[in-house]
């Protein structure tokens, strides 16, 4: 008789390990049976222990905490539902975020106590489904890992949305600060209606499109984020306000002053309706407004990734963003060149020279952030690399069986491994020696 694991579970376990997720097994089955199945799917890549229900009942809380802190994946065999609850409490007490799976009525307390209770939708009881946070409609472990990836992608996209919104707020605010600090000597570079045209016209669709962004490379190679980390981090604000926003603000003000001075303006000159410089002033504010829109375009592309180059995602891989940018460009052209809209937004048609002044803005913003991300990649290791390098690991010799090492760690001599698992005498001896090295390695790290 055989009840093999689903073929997709092994890959799901590998991805969970890469994401910094430890997979413990809590089962009522025999320990060796559970260990054999766990070995097939890759559980125990940093070492495995079998703890029976009897052993767990006689283990104190401090010893259980020390066992779970060793970095091994533990098989709790022949356990009771109360043991599941105790294990969940011990992991949470150590600061871990715990997802506990179950299907029976007796599993309900543990599902409720865990941070994320996962119930089986097909084989699970109604009580388990009511107690759980998440229900697997296909009863598949791989779906849990897929949900982790989807959650990380959604969380990342929310942050991308925030960076984009915050970044273009700076070039909207800076013109008013310049006007206020100049005491009226410098005319207002941006009108209220033009700000509304940005926030309600050219801004909305690209921002929403960032919510549909696909996963960034290396998403499932990152360690889990700290429990207390806020969605808005200081690094996000520094990038949005102090880098992307500051560059955009400097560009649009440069375009504004160049347009005014080219028309003969000097500080303090009148630019109101009826003055000789009124037409030049309208063109200058239009350059400011169009400059903000131009900077928005590549700010949206830059916000798509935090550290990876844009080519890793593909410049055209988000059709929703491309559609939003196309709408922004059409909307901007209408405001700049349709006379009926000039009276509403206070804009004016621009000359080819003025358009040429604004044209490099997107490339400057995107290029600056691309260089910043390249510098970040050079100075910091890729996500998860530091965490992986600190994990205790002992290389396994070729030709030995992982289950043999597990049994050897529980006291099986080499000749028992030979007769039970069909190993050669040399392979059995290597497995016993390797088990001793793992034990010594864990003693050094503990």
Protein backbone atom coordinates (compact mmCIF):
# COMPACT_ATOMS: atom_id res chain seq x y z
CA UNK A 1 0.00 0.00 0.00
CA UNK A 2 1.17 3.54 -0.73
CA UNK A 3 -0.19 7.04 -0.22
CA UNK A 4 2.38 9.21 -2.03
CA UNK A 5 2.41 13.01 -1.66
CA UNK A 6 1.12 15.10 -4.51
CA UNK A 7 3.78 15.77 -7.16
CA UNK A 8 3.61 19.56 -6.73
CA UNK A 9 4.31 19.46 -2.97
CA UNK A 10 8.08 18.98 -3.30
CA UNK A 11 8.42 22.18 -5.34
CA UNK A 12 6.14 24.01 -2.91
CA UNK A 13 8.35 22.92 0.01
CA UNK A 14 11.45 24.12 -1.84
CA UNK A 15 9.84 27.52 -2.48
CA UNK A 16 8.72 27.75 1.15
CA UNK A 17 12.27 27.11 2.33
CA UNK A 18 13.62 29.76 -0.05
CA UNK A 19 11.07 32.21 1.40
CA UNK A 20 12.34 31.57 4.93
CA UNK A 21 9.39 29.39 5.97
CA UNK A 22 10.05 26.42 8.25
CA UNK A 23 7.73 23.43 7.80
CA UNK A 24 7.08 21.27 10.85
CA UNK A 25 4.96 18.12 10.71
CA UNK A 26 2.41 17.45 13.46
CA UNK A 27 0.68 14.14 12.87
CA UNK A 28 -0.97 11.25 14.59
CA UNK A 29 0.88 8.80 12.36
CA UNK A 30 3.97 6.79 13.19
CA UNK A 31 7.17 8.84 13.22
CA UNK A 32 9.08 6.74 10.67
CA UNK A 33 6.14 6.82 8.27
CA UNK A 34 5.91 10.60 8.58
CA UNK A 35 9.69 10.93 8.22
CA UNK A 36 9.68 8.88 5.02
CA UNK A 37 7.00 11.09 3.47
CA UNK A 38 8.75 14.25 4.69
CA UNK A 39 12.01 13.09 3.14
CA UNK A 40 10.29 12.56 -0.22
CA UNK A 41 9.07 16.17 -0.38
CA UNK A 42 12.23 17.83 0.97
CA UNK A 43 11.26 18.56 4.57
CA UNK A 44 14.31 18.44 6.80
CA UNK A 45 16.80 20.19 4.52
CA UNK A 46 18.57 21.63 7.59
CA UNK A 47 18.14 18.51 9.70
CA UNK A 48 15.12 16.64 11.02
CA UNK A 49 14.05 15.39 14.43
CA UNK A 50 11.28 12.98 15.39
CA UNK A 51 9.49 13.72 18.65
CA UNK A 52 6.71 11.39 19.73
CA UNK A 53 3.68 12.45 21.69
CA UNK A 54 4.98 10.69 24.79
CA UNK A 55 8.30 12.51 24.56
CA UNK A 56 6.52 15.83 24.02
CA UNK A 57 4.34 15.30 27.10
CA UNK A 58 7.45 14.88 29.24
CA UNK A 59 9.28 17.83 27.64
CA UNK A 60 9.15 21.12 29.53
CA UNK A 61 8.36 24.43 27.88
CA UNK A 62 11.99 25.58 27.94
CA UNK A 63 13.18 22.36 26.32
CA UNK A 64 10.48 22.66 23.65
CA UNK A 65 11.53 26.25 22.95
CA UNK A 66 15.15 25.16 22.62
CA UNK A 67 14.15 22.33 20.27
CA UNK A 68 12.19 24.66 17.98
CA UNK A 69 14.98 27.26 18.04
CA UNK A 70 17.62 24.86 16.69
CA UNK A 71 16.64 25.46 13.07
CA UNK A 72 15.66 21.87 12.37
CA UNK A 73 12.29 20.86 11.02
CA UNK A 74 10.61 18.64 13.57
CA UNK A 75 8.21 15.74 13.05
CA UNK A 76 5.86 15.54 16.00
CA UNK A 77 4.47 12.02 15.68
CA UNK A 78 1.64 10.24 17.49
CA UNK A 79 0.54 13.57 18.93
CA UNK A 80 -2.73 14.70 20.45
CA UNK A 81 -4.73 17.82 19.45
CA UNK A 82 -3.56 19.42 22.71
CA UNK A 83 0.04 19.05 21.53
CA UNK A 84 -0.81 20.99 18.38
CA UNK A 85 -2.05 23.85 20.54
CA UNK A 86 1.10 23.75 22.69
CA UNK A 87 3.38 23.79 19.63
CA UNK A 88 1.54 26.79 18.20
CA UNK A 89 1.90 28.65 21.51
CA UNK A 90 5.62 27.83 21.71
CA UNK A 91 6.31 29.09 18.19
CA UNK A 92 4.34 32.30 18.75
CA UNK A 93 6.16 32.90 22.04
CA UNK A 94 9.43 32.84 20.06
CA UNK A 95 8.09 35.61 17.78
CA UNK A 96 7.28 33.43 14.79
CA UNK A 97 4.24 33.92 12.60
CA UNK A 98 2.47 30.59 12.71
CA UNK A 99 0.24 29.03 10.07
CA UNK A 100 -1.35 25.83 11.36
CA UNK A 101 -3.21 23.41 9.10
CA UNK A 102 -5.92 21.02 10.25
CA UNK A 103 -9.20 19.38 9.31
CA UNK A 104 -10.77 17.86 12.40
CA UNK A 105 -12.96 19.13 15.21
CA UNK A 106 -10.11 18.68 17.67
CA UNK A 107 -7.89 20.90 15.53
CA UNK A 108 -10.15 23.94 16.02
CA UNK A 109 -8.38 25.33 19.14
CA UNK A 110 -4.98 25.22 17.41
CA UNK A 111 -6.40 26.77 14.23
CA UNK A 112 -7.88 29.58 16.30
CA UNK A 113 -4.70 30.12 18.33
CA UNK A 114 -2.35 30.26 15.32
CA UNK A 115 -1.82 33.53 13.45
CA UNK A 116 -3.27 31.91 10.34
CA UNK A 117 -5.46 28.85 10.78
CA UNK A 118 -5.67 26.83 7.56
CA UNK A 119 -8.57 24.40 7.25
CA UNK A 120 -9.22 21.83 4.57
CA UNK A 121 -12.20 22.74 2.40
CA UNK A 122 -12.93 19.26 1.05
CA UNK A 123 -12.05 16.90 3.89
CA UNK A 124 -12.30 19.38 6.76
CA UNK A 125 -15.13 19.59 9.25
CA UNK A 126 -17.45 22.56 9.55
CA UNK A 127 -15.98 23.34 12.97
CA UNK A 128 -12.43 23.49 11.55
CA UNK A 129 -13.53 25.74 8.69
CA UNK A 130 -15.31 28.11 11.07
CA UNK A 131 -12.24 28.33 13.34
CA UNK A 132 -9.77 28.90 10.49
CA UNK A 133 -8.62 32.11 8.89
CA UNK A 134 -8.11 30.50 5.48
CA UNK A 135 -9.83 27.53 3.83
CA UNK A 136 -8.10 25.46 1.15
CA UNK A 137 -10.76 24.56 -1.36
CA UNK A 138 -8.41 22.01 -2.98
CA UNK A 139 -6.82 20.63 0.24
CA UNK A 140 -3.40 21.24 -1.33
CA UNK A 141 -0.30 22.39 0.55
CA UNK A 142 1.03 24.05 -2.60
CA UNK A 143 -1.92 26.45 -2.45
CA UNK A 144 -0.59 27.80 0.88
CA UNK A 145 2.73 28.70 -0.73
CA UNK A 146 0.92 30.24 -3.70
CA UNK A 147 -1.10 32.34 -1.25
CA UNK A 148 2.12 33.51 0.44
CA UNK A 149 3.47 34.62 -2.94
CA UNK A 150 0.22 36.39 -3.84
CA UNK A 151 0.21 38.15 -0.47
CA UNK A 152 3.79 39.33 -0.88
CA UNK A 153 3.05 40.59 -4.39
CA UNK A 154 -0.02 42.50 -3.19
CA UNK A 155 1.93 44.02 -0.29
CA UNK A 156 4.71 45.08 -2.66
CA UNK A 157 2.22 46.62 -5.08
CA UNK A 158 0.65 48.69 -2.31
CA UNK A 159 4.10 50.06 -1.54
CA UNK A 160 4.73 50.80 -5.23
CA UNK A 161 1.44 52.71 -5.33
CA UNK A 162 2.46 54.73 -2.27
CA UNK A 163 5.91 55.57 -3.69
CA UNK A 164 4.34 56.74 -6.94
CA UNK A 165 1.71 58.92 -5.24
CA UNK A 166 4.17 60.44 -2.77
CA UNK A 167 6.84 61.10 -5.40
CA UNK A 168 4.77 63.34 -7.65
CA UNK A 169 3.30 65.21 -4.67
CA UNK A 170 6.64 67.02 -4.30
CA UNK A 171 6.63 68.83 -7.69
CA UNK A 172 3.04 69.88 -6.93
CA UNK A 173 3.92 71.39 -3.54
CA UNK A 174 7.30 72.97 -4.39
CA UNK A 175 5.86 75.60 -6.81
CA UNK A 176 3.57 76.90 -4.07
CA UNK A 177 6.48 77.05 -1.63
CA UNK A 178 8.52 79.05 -4.16
CA UNK A 179 5.62 81.46 -4.66
CA UNK A 180 5.10 81.89 -0.91
CA UNK A 181 8.77 82.31 -0.05
CA UNK A 182 9.27 84.84 -2.85
CA UNK A 183 6.53 87.03 -1.43
CA UNK A 184 4.78 87.34 -4.79
CA UNK A 185 7.89 88.38 -6.73
CA UNK A 186 7.67 85.04 -8.55
CA UNK A 187 4.25 84.28 -10.05
CA UNK A 188 2.53 81.04 -9.07
CA UNK A 189 4.06 78.29 -11.26
CA UNK A 190 0.97 76.05 -11.07
CA UNK A 191 -2.73 76.83 -10.81
CA UNK A 192 -5.29 74.98 -8.72
CA UNK A 193 -7.10 73.67 -11.80
CA UNK A 194 -3.84 72.32 -13.17
CA UNK A 195 -3.25 70.41 -9.93
CA UNK A 196 -6.72 68.90 -10.24
CA UNK A 197 -5.90 67.94 -13.82
CA UNK A 198 -2.90 65.99 -12.47
CA UNK A 199 -4.59 64.34 -9.49
CA UNK A 200 -7.85 63.44 -11.24
CA UNK A 201 -6.71 63.14 -14.84
CA UNK A 202 -3.19 61.92 -15.49
CA UNK A 203 -2.49 60.36 -12.11
CA UNK A 204 -5.32 57.90 -11.46
CA UNK A 205 -4.95 55.19 -14.10
CA UNK A 206 -1.15 54.67 -13.78
CA UNK A 207 -1.50 54.49 -10.00
CA UNK A 208 -4.21 51.83 -10.27
CA UNK A 209 -2.16 49.93 -12.84
CA UNK A 210 0.69 49.55 -10.32
CA UNK A 211 -1.72 47.46 -8.26
CA UNK A 212 -1.73 44.93 -11.12
CA UNK A 213 2.04 44.67 -11.30
CA UNK A 214 3.45 41.17 -11.52
CA UNK A 215 5.84 39.78 -8.89
CA UNK A 216 9.31 41.26 -8.78
CA UNK A 217 12.20 38.80 -9.36
CA UNK A 218 13.39 37.25 -6.11
CA UNK A 219 10.06 37.82 -4.34
CA UNK A 220 10.04 34.33 -2.82
CA UNK A 221 13.74 34.44 -1.95
CA UNK A 222 13.27 37.12 0.69
CA UNK A 223 13.03 36.30 4.38
CA UNK A 224 9.70 37.14 6.02
CA UNK A 225 9.40 40.78 6.98
CA UNK A 226 9.40 41.63 10.71
CA UNK A 227 6.01 41.47 12.41
CA UNK A 228 6.19 45.08 13.58
CA UNK A 229 7.25 46.57 10.25
CA UNK A 230 4.88 49.27 8.97
CA UNK A 231 3.74 49.38 5.37
CA UNK A 232 5.33 52.84 4.95
CA UNK A 233 9.04 52.66 5.70
CA UNK A 234 11.51 55.56 6.04
CA UNK A 235 13.39 54.26 2.98
CA UNK A 236 10.20 54.60 0.92
CA UNK A 237 9.73 58.19 1.99
CA UNK A 238 13.38 58.99 1.29
CA UNK A 239 13.06 57.55 -2.20
CA UNK A 240 9.71 59.19 -2.95
CA UNK A 241 10.25 62.63 -1.43
CA UNK A 242 14.00 63.02 -1.23
CA UNK A 243 14.97 61.42 -4.53
CA UNK A 244 12.25 60.98 -7.18
CA UNK A 245 10.18 63.92 -5.95
CA UNK A 246 13.16 66.22 -5.50
CA UNK A 247 14.45 65.51 -9.00
CA UNK A 248 10.99 66.04 -10.51
CA UNK A 249 10.50 69.28 -8.60
CA UNK A 250 13.87 70.63 -9.75
CA UNK A 251 13.11 69.74 -13.37
CA UNK A 252 9.67 71.37 -13.51
CA UNK A 253 10.88 74.56 -11.83
CA UNK A 254 13.81 74.70 -14.25
CA UNK A 255 11.39 74.45 -17.16
CA UNK A 256 9.17 77.12 -15.62
CA UNK A 257 11.93 79.69 -15.11
CA UNK A 258 13.54 79.03 -18.50
CA UNK A 259 10.22 79.63 -20.23
CA UNK A 260 9.57 82.85 -18.26
CA UNK A 261 13.03 84.30 -18.77
CA UNK A 262 13.01 83.43 -22.47
CA UNK A 263 9.89 85.59 -22.76
CA UNK A 264 11.58 88.58 -21.11
CA UNK A 265 10.32 88.18 -17.53
CA UNK A 266 12.20 89.59 -14.54
CA UNK A 267 11.35 89.07 -10.86
CA UNK A 268 8.48 91.34 -9.85
CA UNK A 269 7.12 91.84 -13.40
CA UNK A 270 3.34 91.68 -13.76
CA UNK A 271 2.02 88.53 -15.42
CA UNK A 272 -1.72 88.88 -14.81
CA UNK A 273 -4.45 89.11 -17.42
CA UNK A 274 -3.95 92.09 -19.70
CA UNK A 275 -0.20 92.36 -19.07
CA UNK A 276 2.38 91.95 -21.84
CA UNK A 277 3.79 88.82 -20.18
CA UNK A 278 0.47 87.07 -19.58
CA UNK A 279 0.80 84.78 -22.62
CA UNK A 280 4.37 83.89 -21.60
CA UNK A 281 3.19 83.17 -18.07
CA UNK A 282 0.48 80.79 -19.32
CA UNK A 283 3.04 78.96 -21.41
CA UNK A 284 5.35 78.73 -18.39
CA UNK A 285 2.64 77.23 -16.18
CA UNK A 286 1.79 74.82 -18.99
CA UNK A 287 5.43 73.76 -19.13
CA UNK A 288 5.33 73.20 -15.36
CA UNK A 289 2.17 71.13 -15.61
CA UNK A 290 3.36 69.11 -18.58
CA UNK A 291 6.72 68.59 -16.84
CA UNK A 292 4.92 67.01 -13.87
CA UNK A 293 3.04 64.70 -16.23
CA UNK A 294 6.28 63.79 -18.01
CA UNK A 295 7.99 63.01 -14.70
CA UNK A 296 5.00 60.93 -13.64
CA UNK A 297 5.47 58.61 -16.59
CA UNK A 298 8.90 57.37 -15.64
CA UNK A 299 8.21 57.63 -11.93
CA UNK A 300 5.57 54.96 -12.59
CA UNK A 301 8.14 52.79 -14.37
CA UNK A 302 10.71 53.39 -11.62
CA UNK A 303 8.20 52.51 -8.87
CA UNK A 304 7.60 49.09 -10.45
CA UNK A 305 10.72 47.70 -8.78
CA UNK A 306 12.54 48.49 -5.57
CA UNK A 307 15.97 47.18 -6.48
CA UNK A 308 15.83 45.07 -9.67
CA UNK A 309 16.54 46.69 -13.06
CA UNK A 310 13.53 47.45 -15.21
CA UNK A 311 14.68 44.99 -17.86
CA UNK A 312 14.24 42.17 -15.33
CA UNK A 313 10.52 42.92 -15.25
CA UNK A 314 10.19 43.88 -18.89
CA UNK A 315 9.28 47.47 -19.84
CA UNK A 316 6.08 46.33 -21.56
CA UNK A 317 5.02 43.54 -19.20
CA UNK A 318 2.26 45.58 -17.53
CA UNK A 319 -0.30 46.43 -20.25
CA UNK A 320 -2.52 48.21 -17.72
CA UNK A 321 0.28 50.69 -16.98
CA UNK A 322 0.92 51.23 -20.68
CA UNK A 323 -2.77 51.94 -21.18
CA UNK A 324 -2.83 54.38 -18.28
CA UNK A 325 0.21 56.23 -19.64
CA UNK A 326 -1.35 56.39 -23.11
CA UNK A 327 -4.48 57.96 -21.61
CA UNK A 328 -2.33 60.46 -19.68
CA UNK A 329 -0.54 61.52 -22.86
CA UNK A 330 -3.80 61.97 -24.79
CA UNK A 331 -5.32 63.90 -21.90
CA UNK A 332 -2.21 66.10 -21.64
CA UNK A 333 -2.26 66.83 -25.38
CA UNK A 334 -5.91 67.87 -25.14
CA UNK A 335 -5.25 70.29 -22.28
CA UNK A 336 -2.25 71.80 -24.03
CA UNK A 337 -3.64 72.15 -27.56
CA UNK A 338 -7.46 72.35 -27.37
CA UNK A 339 -8.46 76.04 -27.05
CA UNK A 340 -11.72 75.35 -25.16
CA UNK A 341 -9.68 73.72 -22.37
CA UNK A 342 -7.24 76.65 -22.17
CA UNK A 343 -9.86 78.80 -20.47
CA UNK A 344 -10.65 76.06 -17.95
CA UNK A 345 -7.12 75.13 -16.93
CA UNK A 346 -5.23 78.35 -17.71
CA UNK A 347 -2.93 76.61 -20.20
CA UNK A 348 -1.55 77.68 -23.57
CA UNK A 349 -0.24 75.91 -26.67
CA UNK A 350 3.49 75.19 -26.47
CA UNK A 351 6.08 75.72 -29.16
CA UNK A 352 8.29 72.86 -30.41
CA UNK A 353 11.22 74.33 -28.45
CA UNK A 354 9.18 74.26 -25.24
CA UNK A 355 8.13 70.65 -25.88
CA UNK A 356 11.77 69.77 -26.48
CA UNK A 357 12.55 71.29 -23.07
CA UNK A 358 10.12 68.90 -21.36
CA UNK A 359 10.89 65.80 -23.45
CA UNK A 360 14.05 64.70 -21.53
CA UNK A 361 12.35 64.86 -18.12
CA UNK A 362 11.14 61.21 -18.09
CA UNK A 363 14.53 59.86 -19.12
CA UNK A 364 16.29 61.93 -16.43
CA UNK A 365 13.97 60.68 -13.67
CA UNK A 366 14.07 57.04 -14.79
CA UNK A 367 17.82 57.09 -15.44
CA UNK A 368 18.59 58.55 -12.01
CA UNK A 369 16.53 55.91 -10.24
CA UNK A 370 18.01 53.14 -12.40
CA UNK A 371 21.48 54.23 -11.28
CA UNK A 372 20.31 54.39 -7.66
CA UNK A 373 18.99 50.82 -7.86
CA UNK A 374 22.24 49.63 -9.46
CA UNK A 375 24.15 51.18 -6.54
CA UNK A 376 21.82 49.48 -4.05
CA UNK A 377 22.36 46.11 -5.73
CA UNK A 378 26.12 46.60 -5.62
CA UNK A 379 26.22 47.58 -1.94
CA UNK A 380 23.71 45.10 -0.52
CA UNK A 381 23.32 41.35 -1.07
CA UNK A 382 20.26 40.03 -2.90
CA UNK A 383 17.13 39.38 -0.77
CA UNK A 384 17.52 36.32 1.41
CA UNK A 385 21.25 35.84 0.77
CA UNK A 386 22.28 37.05 4.22
CA UNK A 387 19.67 34.89 5.91
CA UNK A 388 20.71 31.81 3.95
CA UNK A 389 24.40 32.35 4.69
CA UNK A 390 23.80 32.38 8.47
CA UNK A 391 21.84 29.13 8.59
CA UNK A 392 23.75 26.20 10.04
CA UNK A 393 24.35 23.68 7.32
CA UNK A 394 26.53 20.66 6.95
CA UNK A 395 27.15 19.32 3.47
CA UNK A 396 25.82 15.82 2.96
CA UNK A 397 28.14 13.20 1.53
CA UNK A 398 27.13 11.64 -1.73
CA UNK A 399 25.48 8.25 -1.61
CA UNK A 400 23.68 8.40 1.73
CA UNK A 401 19.96 8.44 2.38
CA UNK A 402 18.42 11.34 4.35
CA UNK A 403 16.12 8.98 6.22
CA UNK A 404 19.17 6.92 7.18
CA UNK A 405 20.78 10.01 8.71
CA UNK A 406 17.59 10.74 10.62
CA UNK A 407 17.46 7.21 12.00
CA UNK A 408 21.16 7.33 12.85
CA UNK A 409 20.56 10.50 14.85
CA UNK A 410 18.02 8.53 16.86
CA UNK A 411 20.57 5.86 17.73
CA UNK A 412 20.30 3.33 14.90
CA UNK A 413 23.66 1.64 14.29
CA UNK A 414 25.07 1.10 10.81
CA UNK A 415 24.18 -2.60 10.56
CA UNK A 416 20.51 -1.84 11.33
CA UNK A 417 20.47 0.74 8.54
CA UNK A 418 21.97 -1.80 6.17
CA UNK A 419 19.34 -4.45 6.88
CA UNK A 420 16.34 -2.11 7.12
CA UNK A 421 16.98 0.29 4.22
CA UNK A 422 19.10 -1.89 1.99
CA UNK A 423 22.12 0.41 2.12
CA UNK A 424 25.65 -0.73 1.55
CA UNK A 425 27.89 -0.98 4.60
CA UNK A 426 29.86 2.04 3.41
CA UNK A 427 26.73 4.17 2.86
CA UNK A 428 25.39 3.20 6.27
CA UNK A 429 28.67 4.11 7.94
CA UNK A 430 28.75 7.47 6.13
CA UNK A 431 25.19 8.18 7.26
CA UNK A 432 26.08 7.48 10.89
CA UNK A 433 29.17 9.68 10.63
CA UNK A 434 27.17 12.45 9.03
CA UNK A 435 24.53 12.26 11.76
CA UNK A 436 27.26 12.75 14.34
CA UNK A 437 28.62 15.77 12.45
CA UNK A 438 25.14 17.34 12.33
CA UNK A 439 24.72 16.86 16.08
CA UNK A 440 28.13 18.41 16.74
CA UNK A 441 27.36 21.29 14.38
CA UNK A 442 24.11 22.06 16.17
CA UNK A 443 25.84 21.94 19.55
CA UNK A 444 28.31 24.58 18.31
CA UNK A 445 25.50 26.84 17.06
CA UNK A 446 23.44 26.40 20.21
